[in-house]
Amino acid sequence: MELIYFFGILAGLCGFWNGITGAIICSDLKSRGEPANFFLLRMMAPVYAYRYRKITMAETGRTGPLFYHWVISINAALVFGLLAVGLILAK
């Protein structure tokens, strides 16, 4: 398998991981009584993630683990996507 496909697949998997994490954060916010709309998740994901961080910081004094999953997955998708595009352009 070529390296381009490898990085492209990794970027897709990280994007999927980010979407699942965002949905779980949205569900968690709803269960805490916070307003969160699942259909606006794509647009509001950063707002929901930072609201989740603020709430978990206030409750436990630590940031909730879903916030780190969200941040790491979106950054990893960006890096792997850029690597794949860079390899495409280098051909």
PDB file of N, CA and C in Angstrom:
ATOM      1  N   MET A   1       0.851  -1.174   0.000  1.00  0.00           N
ATOM      2  CA  MET A   1       0.000   0.000   0.000  1.00  0.00           C
ATOM      3  C   MET A   1       0.897   1.237   0.000  1.00  0.00           C
ATOM      4  N   GLU A   2       0.514   2.205  -0.803  1.00  0.00           N
ATOM      5  CA  GLU A   2       1.298   3.428  -0.870  1.00  0.00           C
ATOM      6  C   GLU A   2       1.112   4.260   0.388  1.00  0.00           C
ATOM      7  N   LEU A   3       2.097   5.075   0.666  1.00  0.00           N
ATOM      8  CA  LEU A   3       2.089   5.908   1.856  1.00  0.00           C
ATOM      9  C   LEU A   3       0.964   6.945   1.811  1.00  0.00           C
ATOM     10  N   ILE A   4       0.612   7.383   0.608  1.00  0.00           N
ATOM     11  CA  ILE A   4      -0.472   8.361   0.462  1.00  0.00           C
ATOM     12  C   ILE A   4      -1.780   7.777   0.991  1.00  0.00           C
ATOM     13  N   TYR A   5      -2.069   6.546   0.608  1.00  0.00           N
ATOM     14  CA  TYR A   5      -3.294   5.905   1.060  1.00  0.00           C
ATOM     15  C   TYR A   5      -3.273   5.661   2.564  1.00  0.00           C
ATOM     16  N   PHE A   6      -2.108   5.302   3.073  1.00  0.00           N
ATOM     17  CA  PHE A   6      -1.960   5.061   4.510  1.00  0.00           C
ATOM     18  C   PHE A   6      -2.307   6.309   5.312  1.00  0.00           C
ATOM     19  N   PHE A   7      -1.716   7.446   4.919  1.00  0.00           N
ATOM     20  CA  PHE A   7      -1.996   8.690   5.632  1.00  0.00           C
ATOM     21  C   PHE A   7      -3.431   9.158   5.402  1.00  0.00           C
ATOM     22  N   GLY A   8      -3.968   8.916   4.225  1.00  0.00           N
ATOM     23  CA  GLY A   8      -5.359   9.271   3.955  1.00  0.00           C
ATOM     24  C   GLY A   8      -6.330   8.472   4.812  1.00  0.00           C
ATOM     25  N   ILE A   9      -6.057   7.185   4.953  1.00  0.00           N
ATOM     26  CA  ILE A   9      -6.906   6.336   5.790  1.00  0.00           C
ATOM     27  C   ILE A   9      -6.794   6.755   7.258  1.00  0.00           C
ATOM     28  N   LEU A  10      -5.574   7.049   7.704  1.00  0.00           N
ATOM     29  CA  LEU A  10      -5.401   7.512   9.083  1.00  0.00           C
ATOM     30  C   LEU A  10      -6.136   8.824   9.326  1.00  0.00           C
ATOM     31  N   ALA A  11      -6.091   9.730   8.356  1.00  0.00           N
ATOM     32  CA  ALA A  11      -6.821  10.996   8.491  1.00  0.00           C
ATOM     33  C   ALA A  11      -8.320  10.744   8.583  1.00  0.00           C
ATOM     34  N   GLY A  12      -8.826   9.834   7.765  1.00  0.00           N
ATOM     35  CA  GLY A  12     -10.248   9.489   7.815  1.00  0.00           C
ATOM     36  C   GLY A  12     -10.646   8.860   9.140  1.00  0.00           C
ATOM     37  N   LEU A  13      -9.823   7.965   9.641  1.00  0.00           N
ATOM     38  CA  LEU A  13     -10.109   7.329  10.930  1.00  0.00           C
ATOM     39  C   LEU A  13     -10.084   8.346  12.075  1.00  0.00           C
ATOM     40  N   CYS A  14      -9.140   9.268  12.017  1.00  0.00           N
ATOM     41  CA  CYS A  14      -9.082  10.308  13.055  1.00  0.00           C
ATOM     42  C   CYS A  14     -10.287  11.234  12.951  1.00  0.00           C
ATOM     43  N   GLY A  15     -10.738  11.515  11.734  1.00  0.00           N
ATOM     44  CA  GLY A  15     -11.943  12.313  11.553  1.00  0.00           C
ATOM     45  C   GLY A  15     -13.165  11.604  12.115  1.00  0.00           C
ATOM     46  N   PHE A  16     -13.239  10.298  11.898  1.00  0.00           N
ATOM     47  CA  PHE A  16     -14.335   9.497  12.450  1.00  0.00           C
ATOM     48  C   PHE A  16     -14.282   9.503  13.974  1.00  0.00           C
ATOM     49  N   TRP A  17     -13.087   9.340  14.529  1.00  0.00           N
ATOM     50  CA  TRP A  17     -12.874   9.385  15.978  1.00  0.00           C
ATOM     51  C   TRP A  17     -13.333  10.736  16.529  1.00  0.00           C
ATOM     52  N   ASN A  18     -13.022  11.808  15.814  1.00  0.00           N
ATOM     53  CA  ASN A  18     -13.425  13.139  16.248  1.00  0.00           C
ATOM     54  C   ASN A  18     -14.937  13.291  16.219  1.00  0.00           C
ATOM     55  N   GLY A  19     -15.575  12.764  15.191  1.00  0.00           N
ATOM     56  CA  GLY A  19     -17.037  12.850  15.107  1.00  0.00           C
ATOM     57  C   GLY A  19     -17.724  12.092  16.227  1.00  0.00           C
ATOM     58  N   ILE A  20     -17.233  10.914  16.523  1.00  0.00           N
ATOM     59  CA  ILE A  20     -17.799  10.119  17.617  1.00  0.00           C
ATOM     60  C   ILE A  20     -17.593  10.826  18.948  1.00  0.00           C
ATOM     61  N   THR A  21     -16.397  11.359  19.156  1.00  0.00           N
ATOM     62  CA  THR A  21     -16.121  12.070  20.406  1.00  0.00           C
ATOM     63  C   THR A  21     -16.999  13.303  20.543  1.00  0.00           C
ATOM     64  N   GLY A  22     -17.194  14.030  19.446  1.00  0.00           N
ATOM     65  CA  GLY A  22     -18.068  15.198  19.472  1.00  0.00           C
ATOM     66  C   GLY A  22     -19.500  14.831  19.812  1.00  0.00           C
ATOM     67  N   ALA A  23     -19.979  13.702  19.265  1.00  0.00           N
ATOM     68  CA  ALA A  23     -21.334  13.246  19.572  1.00  0.00           C
ATOM     69  C   ALA A  23     -21.461  12.854  21.047  1.00  0.00           C
ATOM     70  N   ILE A  24     -20.443  12.232  21.592  1.00  0.00           N
ATOM     71  CA  ILE A  24     -20.479  11.847  23.004  1.00  0.00           C
ATOM     72  C   ILE A  24     -20.451  13.096  23.891  1.00  0.00           C
ATOM     73  N   ILE A  25     -19.652  14.094  23.508  1.00  0.00           N
ATOM     74  CA  ILE A  25     -19.624  15.348  24.265  1.00  0.00           C
ATOM     75  C   ILE A  25     -20.995  16.010  24.219  1.00  0.00           C
ATOM     76  N   CYS A  26     -21.619  16.030  23.053  1.00  0.00           N
ATOM     77  CA  CYS A  26     -22.955  16.608  22.908  1.00  0.00           C
ATOM     78  C   CYS A  26     -23.957  15.873  23.796  1.00  0.00           C
ATOM     79  N   SER A  27     -23.889  14.569  23.804  1.00  0.00           N
ATOM     80  CA  SER A  27     -24.772  13.768  24.646  1.00  0.00           C
ATOM     81  C   SER A  27     -24.512  14.031  26.127  1.00  0.00           C
ATOM     82  N   ASP A  28     -23.253  14.156  26.497  1.00  0.00           N
ATOM     83  CA  ASP A  28     -22.899  14.435  27.885  1.00  0.00           C
ATOM     84  C   ASP A  28     -23.434  15.798  28.320  1.00  0.00           C
ATOM     85  N   LEU A  29     -23.314  16.790  27.448  1.00  0.00           N
ATOM     86  CA  LEU A  29     -23.841  18.112  27.777  1.00  0.00           C
ATOM     87  C   LEU A  29     -25.355  18.083  27.955  1.00  0.00           C
ATOM     88  N   LYS A  30     -26.030  17.342  27.079  1.00  0.00           N
ATOM     89  CA  LYS A  30     -27.490  17.221  27.197  1.00  0.00           C
ATOM     90  C   LYS A  30     -27.878  16.543  28.508  1.00  0.00           C
ATOM     91  N   SER A  31     -27.136  15.522  28.907  1.00  0.00           N
ATOM     92  CA  SER A  31     -27.460  14.818  30.151  1.00  0.00           C
ATOM     93  C   SER A  31     -27.224  15.699  31.380  1.00  0.00           C
ATOM     94  N   ARG A  32     -26.374  16.702  31.249  1.00  0.00           N
ATOM     95  CA  ARG A  32     -26.129  17.645  32.346  1.00  0.00           C
ATOM     96  C   ARG A  32     -27.091  18.829  32.320  1.00  0.00           C
ATOM     97  N   GLY A  33     -28.014  18.832  31.357  1.00  0.00           N
ATOM     98  CA  GLY A  33     -29.001  19.897  31.278  1.00  0.00           C
ATOM     99  C   GLY A  33     -28.541  21.116  30.491  1.00  0.00           C
ATOM    100  N   GLU A  34     -27.414  21.012  29.810  1.00  0.00           N
ATOM    101  CA  GLU A  34     -26.901  22.113  28.990  1.00  0.00           C
ATOM    102  C   GLU A  34     -27.541  22.046  27.600  1.00  0.00           C
ATOM    103  N   PRO A  35     -27.781  23.194  26.982  1.00  0.00           N
ATOM    104  CA  PRO A  35     -28.340  23.171  25.628  1.00  0.00           C
ATOM    105  C   PRO A  35     -27.281  22.721  24.620  1.00  0.00           C
ATOM    106  N   ALA A  36     -27.596  21.679  23.876  1.00  0.00           N
ATOM    107  CA  ALA A  36     -26.707  21.161  22.840  1.00  0.00           C
ATOM    108  C   ALA A  36     -27.562  20.537  21.751  1.00  0.00           C
ATOM    109  N   ASN A  37     -27.332  20.933  20.524  1.00  0.00           N
ATOM    110  CA  ASN A  37     -28.105  20.440  19.393  1.00  0.00           C
ATOM    111  C   ASN A  37     -27.233  19.510  18.564  1.00  0.00           C
ATOM    112  N   PHE A  38     -27.652  18.266  18.429  1.00  0.00           N
ATOM    113  CA  PHE A  38     -26.873  17.282  17.693  1.00  0.00           C
ATOM    114  C   PHE A  38     -26.758  17.642  16.215  1.00  0.00           C
ATOM    115  N   PHE A  39     -27.793  18.255  15.645  1.00  0.00           N
ATOM    116  CA  PHE A  39     -27.786  18.568  14.223  1.00  0.00           C
ATOM    117  C   PHE A  39     -26.845  19.730  13.880  1.00  0.00           C
ATOM    118  N   LEU A  40     -26.500  20.532  14.861  1.00  0.00           N
ATOM    119  CA  LEU A  40     -25.551  21.625  14.663  1.00  0.00           C
ATOM    120  C   LEU A  40     -24.152  21.249  15.132  1.00  0.00           C
ATOM    121  N   LEU A  41     -23.908  19.960  15.336  1.00  0.00           N
ATOM    122  CA  LEU A  41     -22.649  19.496  15.910  1.00  0.00           C
ATOM    123  C   LEU A  41     -21.448  19.911  15.078  1.00  0.00           C
ATOM    124  N   ARG A  42     -21.536  19.825  13.762  1.00  0.00           N
ATOM    125  CA  ARG A  42     -20.407  20.189  12.908  1.00  0.00           C
ATOM    126  C   ARG A  42     -19.979  21.633  13.133  1.00  0.00           C
ATOM    127  N   MET A  43     -20.948  22.505  13.249  1.00  0.00           N
ATOM    128  CA  MET A  43     -20.656  23.923  13.402  1.00  0.00           C
ATOM    129  C   MET A  43     -20.303  24.278  14.848  1.00  0.00           C
ATOM    130  N   MET A  44     -20.915  23.606  15.792  1.00  0.00           N
ATOM    131  CA  MET A  44     -20.783  23.976  17.200  1.00  0.00           C
ATOM    132  C   MET A  44     -19.826  23.089  17.991  1.00  0.00           C
ATOM    133  N   ALA A  45     -19.142  22.156  17.354  1.00  0.00           N
ATOM    134  CA  ALA A  45     -18.272  21.216  18.072  1.00  0.00           C
ATOM    135  C   ALA A  45     -17.223  21.912  18.936  1.00  0.00           C
ATOM    136  N   PRO A  46     -16.521  22.933  18.430  1.00  0.00           N
ATOM    137  CA  PRO A  46     -15.545  23.599  19.326  1.00  0.00           C
ATOM    138  C   PRO A  46     -16.205  24.255  20.535  1.00  0.00           C
ATOM    139  N   VAL A  47     -17.368  24.842  20.338  1.00  0.00           N
ATOM    140  CA  VAL A  47     -18.082  25.476  21.451  1.00  0.00           C
ATOM    141  C   VAL A  47     -18.485  24.431  22.477  1.00  0.00           C
ATOM    142  N   TYR A  48     -19.027  23.312  22.011  1.00  0.00           N
ATOM    143  CA  TYR A  48     -19.441  22.248  22.918  1.00  0.00           C
ATOM    144  C   TYR A  48     -18.253  21.656  23.661  1.00  0.00           C
ATOM    145  N   ALA A  49     -17.128  21.471  22.953  1.00  0.00           N
ATOM    146  CA  ALA A  49     -15.942  20.892  23.594  1.00  0.00           C
ATOM    147  C   ALA A  49     -15.423  21.802  24.708  1.00  0.00           C
ATOM    148  N   TYR A  50     -15.356  23.082  24.440  1.00  0.00           N
ATOM    149  CA  TYR A  50     -14.856  23.989  25.477  1.00  0.00           C
ATOM    150  C   TYR A  50     -15.865  24.186  26.598  1.00  0.00           C
ATOM    151  N   ARG A  51     -17.151  24.080  26.293  1.00  0.00           N
ATOM    152  CA  ARG A  51     -18.163  24.129  27.357  1.00  0.00           C
ATOM    153  C   ARG A  51     -18.038  22.887  28.239  1.00  0.00           C
ATOM    154  N   TYR A  52     -17.815  21.719  27.611  1.00  0.00           N
ATOM    155  CA  TYR A  52     -17.598  20.479  28.359  1.00  0.00           C
ATOM    156  C   TYR A  52     -16.368  20.612  29.256  1.00  0.00           C
ATOM    157  N   ARG A  53     -15.307  21.219  28.708  1.00  0.00           N
ATOM    158  CA  ARG A  53     -14.085  21.406  29.491  1.00  0.00           C
ATOM    159  C   ARG A  53     -14.353  22.294  30.705  1.00  0.00           C
ATOM    160  N   LYS A  54     -15.066  23.375  30.499  1.00  0.00           N
ATOM    161  CA  LYS A  54     -15.366  24.307  31.580  1.00  0.00           C
ATOM    162  C   LYS A  54     -16.201  23.638  32.670  1.00  0.00           C
ATOM    163  N   ILE A  55     -17.195  22.847  32.272  1.00  0.00           N
ATOM    164  CA  ILE A  55     -18.068  22.173  33.239  1.00  0.00           C
ATOM    165  C   ILE A  55     -17.295  21.134  34.041  1.00  0.00           C
ATOM    166  N   THR A  56     -16.477  20.321  33.357  1.00  0.00           N
ATOM    167  CA  THR A  56     -15.738  19.285  34.081  1.00  0.00           C
ATOM    168  C   THR A  56     -14.664  19.896  34.973  1.00  0.00           C
ATOM    169  N   MET A  57     -14.092  21.025  34.551  1.00  0.00           N
ATOM    170  CA  MET A  57     -13.122  21.721  35.409  1.00  0.00           C
ATOM    171  C   MET A  57     -13.791  22.216  36.683  1.00  0.00           C
ATOM    172  N   ALA A  58     -15.001  22.732  36.553  1.00  0.00           N
ATOM    173  CA  ALA A  58     -15.719  23.243  37.722  1.00  0.00           C
ATOM    174  C   ALA A  58     -16.136  22.111  38.655  1.00  0.00           C
ATOM    175  N   GLU A  59     -16.488  20.961  38.090  1.00  0.00           N
ATOM    176  CA  GLU A  59     -16.960  19.835  38.906  1.00  0.00           C
ATOM    177  C   GLU A  59     -15.826  19.120  39.628  1.00  0.00           C
ATOM    178  N   THR A  60     -14.771  18.795  38.887  1.00  0.00           N
ATOM    179  CA  THR A  60     -13.731  17.929  39.451  1.00  0.00           C
ATOM    180  C   THR A  60     -12.381  18.609  39.628  1.00  0.00           C
ATOM    181  N   GLY A  61     -12.209  19.777  39.036  1.00  0.00           N
ATOM    182  CA  GLY A  61     -10.907  20.429  39.100  1.00  0.00           C
ATOM    183  C   GLY A  61      -9.958  19.958  38.012  1.00  0.00           C
ATOM    184  N   ARG A  62     -10.423  19.051  37.168  1.00  0.00           N
ATOM    185  CA  ARG A  62      -9.629  18.524  36.065  1.00  0.00           C
ATOM    186  C   ARG A  62     -10.461  18.554  34.792  1.00  0.00           C
ATOM    187  N   THR A  63      -9.791  18.651  33.681  1.00  0.00           N
ATOM    188  CA  THR A  63     -10.484  18.598  32.398  1.00  0.00           C
ATOM    189  C   THR A  63     -10.927  17.166  32.125  1.00  0.00           C
ATOM    190  N   GLY A  64     -12.150  17.014  31.620  1.00  0.00           N
ATOM    191  CA  GLY A  64     -12.669  15.687  31.312  1.00  0.00           C
ATOM    192  C   GLY A  64     -11.906  15.031  30.172  1.00  0.00           C
ATOM    193  N   PRO A  65     -11.841  13.711  30.150  1.00  0.00           N
ATOM    194  CA  PRO A  65     -11.049  13.011  29.136  1.00  0.00           C
ATOM    195  C   PRO A  65     -11.581  13.173  27.717  1.00  0.00           C
ATOM    196  N   LEU A  66     -12.860  13.400  27.552  1.00  0.00           N
ATOM    197  CA  LEU A  66     -13.398  13.554  26.204  1.00  0.00           C
ATOM    198  C   LEU A  66     -12.833  14.785  25.502  1.00  0.00           C
ATOM    199  N   PHE A  67     -12.505  15.818  26.267  1.00  0.00           N
ATOM    200  CA  PHE A  67     -11.928  17.014  25.669  1.00  0.00           C
ATOM    201  C   PHE A  67     -10.595  16.680  25.007  1.00  0.00           C
ATOM    202  N   TYR A  68      -9.766  15.898  25.694  1.00  0.00           N
ATOM    203  CA  TYR A  68      -8.472  15.526  25.126  1.00  0.00           C
ATOM    204  C   TYR A  68      -8.643  14.628  23.904  1.00  0.00           C
ATOM    205  N   HIS A  69      -9.615  13.719  23.947  1.00  0.00           N
ATOM    206  CA  HIS A  69      -9.897  12.889  22.774  1.00  0.00           C
ATOM    207  C   HIS A  69     -10.286  13.766  21.593  1.00  0.00           C
ATOM    208  N   TRP A  70     -11.099  14.788  21.843  1.00  0.00           N
ATOM    209  CA  TRP A  70     -11.558  15.669  20.774  1.00  0.00           C
ATOM    210  C   TRP A  70     -10.390  16.450  20.182  1.00  0.00           C
ATOM    211  N   VAL A  71      -9.551  17.031  21.031  1.00  0.00           N
ATOM    212  CA  VAL A  71      -8.434  17.853  20.561  1.00  0.00           C
ATOM    213  C   VAL A  71      -7.399  17.003  19.821  1.00  0.00           C
ATOM    214  N   ILE A  72      -7.045  15.870  20.373  1.00  0.00           N
ATOM    215  CA  ILE A  72      -6.026  15.026  19.752  1.00  0.00           C
ATOM    216  C   ILE A  72      -6.514  14.486  18.414  1.00  0.00           C
ATOM    217  N   SER A  73      -7.768  14.071  18.349  1.00  0.00           N
ATOM    218  CA  SER A  73      -8.268  13.486  17.109  1.00  0.00           C
ATOM    219  C   SER A  73      -8.360  14.508  15.983  1.00  0.00           C
ATOM    220  N   ILE A  74      -8.783  15.734  16.274  1.00  0.00           N
ATOM    221  CA  ILE A  74      -8.889  16.733  15.208  1.00  0.00           C
ATOM    222  C   ILE A  74      -7.502  17.165  14.742  1.00  0.00           C
ATOM    223  N   ASN A  75      -6.555  17.266  15.652  1.00  0.00           N
ATOM    224  CA  ASN A  75      -5.189  17.632  15.258  1.00  0.00           C
ATOM    225  C   ASN A  75      -4.503  16.504  14.496  1.00  0.00           C
ATOM    226  N   ALA A  76      -4.735  15.269  14.901  1.00  0.00           N
ATOM    227  CA  ALA A  76      -4.144  14.137  14.185  1.00  0.00           C
ATOM    228  C   ALA A  76      -4.734  14.029  12.777  1.00  0.00           C
ATOM    229  N   ALA A  77      -6.033  14.271  12.633  1.00  0.00           N
ATOM    230  CA  ALA A  77      -6.649  14.251  11.307  1.00  0.00           C
ATOM    231  C   ALA A  77      -6.043  15.335  10.419  1.00  0.00           C
ATOM    232  N   LEU A  78      -5.803  16.496  10.987  1.00  0.00           N
ATOM    233  CA  LEU A  78      -5.182  17.582  10.234  1.00  0.00           C
ATOM    234  C   LEU A  78      -3.769  17.214   9.789  1.00  0.00           C
ATOM    235  N   VAL A  79      -2.980  16.680  10.691  1.00  0.00           N
ATOM    236  CA  VAL A  79      -1.596  16.325  10.363  1.00  0.00           C
ATOM    237  C   VAL A  79      -1.547  15.226   9.312  1.00  0.00           C
ATOM    238  N   PHE A  80      -2.313  14.171   9.495  1.00  0.00           N
ATOM    239  CA  PHE A  80      -2.296  13.077   8.524  1.00  0.00           C
ATOM    240  C   PHE A  80      -2.860  13.517   7.175  1.00  0.00           C
ATOM    241  N   GLY A  81      -3.869  14.373   7.195  1.00  0.00           N
ATOM    242  CA  GLY A  81      -4.416  14.895   5.939  1.00  0.00           C
ATOM    243  C   GLY A  81      -3.393  15.746   5.208  1.00  0.00           C
ATOM    244  N   LEU A  82      -2.680  16.589   5.935  1.00  0.00           N
ATOM    245  CA  LEU A  82      -1.653  17.408   5.307  1.00  0.00           C
ATOM    246  C   LEU A  82      -0.488  16.558   4.769  1.00  0.00           C
ATOM    247  N   LEU A  83      -0.143  15.513   5.492  1.00  0.00           N
ATOM    248  CA  LEU A  83       0.896  14.605   5.008  1.00  0.00           C
ATOM    249  C   LEU A  83       0.461  13.919   3.707  1.00  0.00           C
ATOM    250  N   ALA A  84      -0.776  13.485   3.659  1.00  0.00           N
ATOM    251  CA  ALA A  84      -1.281  12.833   2.446  1.00  0.00           C
ATOM    252  C   ALA A  84      -1.286  13.807   1.268  1.00  0.00           C
ATOM    253  N   VAL A  85      -1.768  15.025   1.507  1.00  0.00           N
ATOM    254  CA  VAL A  85      -1.778  16.019   0.426  1.00  0.00           C
ATOM    255  C   VAL A  85      -0.365  16.387   0.019  1.00  0.00           C
ATOM    256  N   GLY A  86       0.525  16.504   0.988  1.00  0.00           N
ATOM    257  CA  GLY A  86       1.919  16.797   0.666  1.00  0.00           C
ATOM    258  C   GLY A  86       2.547  15.714  -0.188  1.00  0.00           C
ATOM    259  N   LEU A  87       2.241  14.473   0.112  1.00  0.00           N
ATOM    260  CA  LEU A  87       2.778  13.375  -0.708  1.00  0.00           C
ATOM    261  C   LEU A  87       2.165  13.368  -2.101  1.00  0.00           C
ATOM    262  N   ILE A  88       0.902  13.743  -2.206  1.00  0.00           N
ATOM    263  CA  ILE A  88       0.256  13.828  -3.524  1.00  0.00           C
ATOM    264  C   ILE A  88       0.936  14.915  -4.352  1.00  0.00           C
ATOM    265  N   LEU A  89       1.178  16.065  -3.733  1.00  0.00           N
ATOM    266  CA  LEU A  89       1.799  17.179  -4.458  1.00  0.00           C
ATOM    267  C   LEU A  89       3.271  16.910  -4.790  1.00  0.00           C
ATOM    268  N   ALA A  90       3.912  16.065  -3.995  1.00  0.00           N
ATOM    269  CA  ALA A  90       5.324  15.759  -4.237  1.00  0.00           C
ATOM    270  C   ALA A  90       5.519  14.803  -5.409  1.00  0.00           C
ATOM    271  N   LYS A  91       4.463  14.133  -5.822  1.00  0.00           N
ATOM    272  CA  LYS A  91       4.583  13.169  -6.937  1.00  0.00           C
ATOM    273  C   LYS A  91       4.844  13.853  -8.231  1.00  0.00           C
TER     274      LYS A  91
END
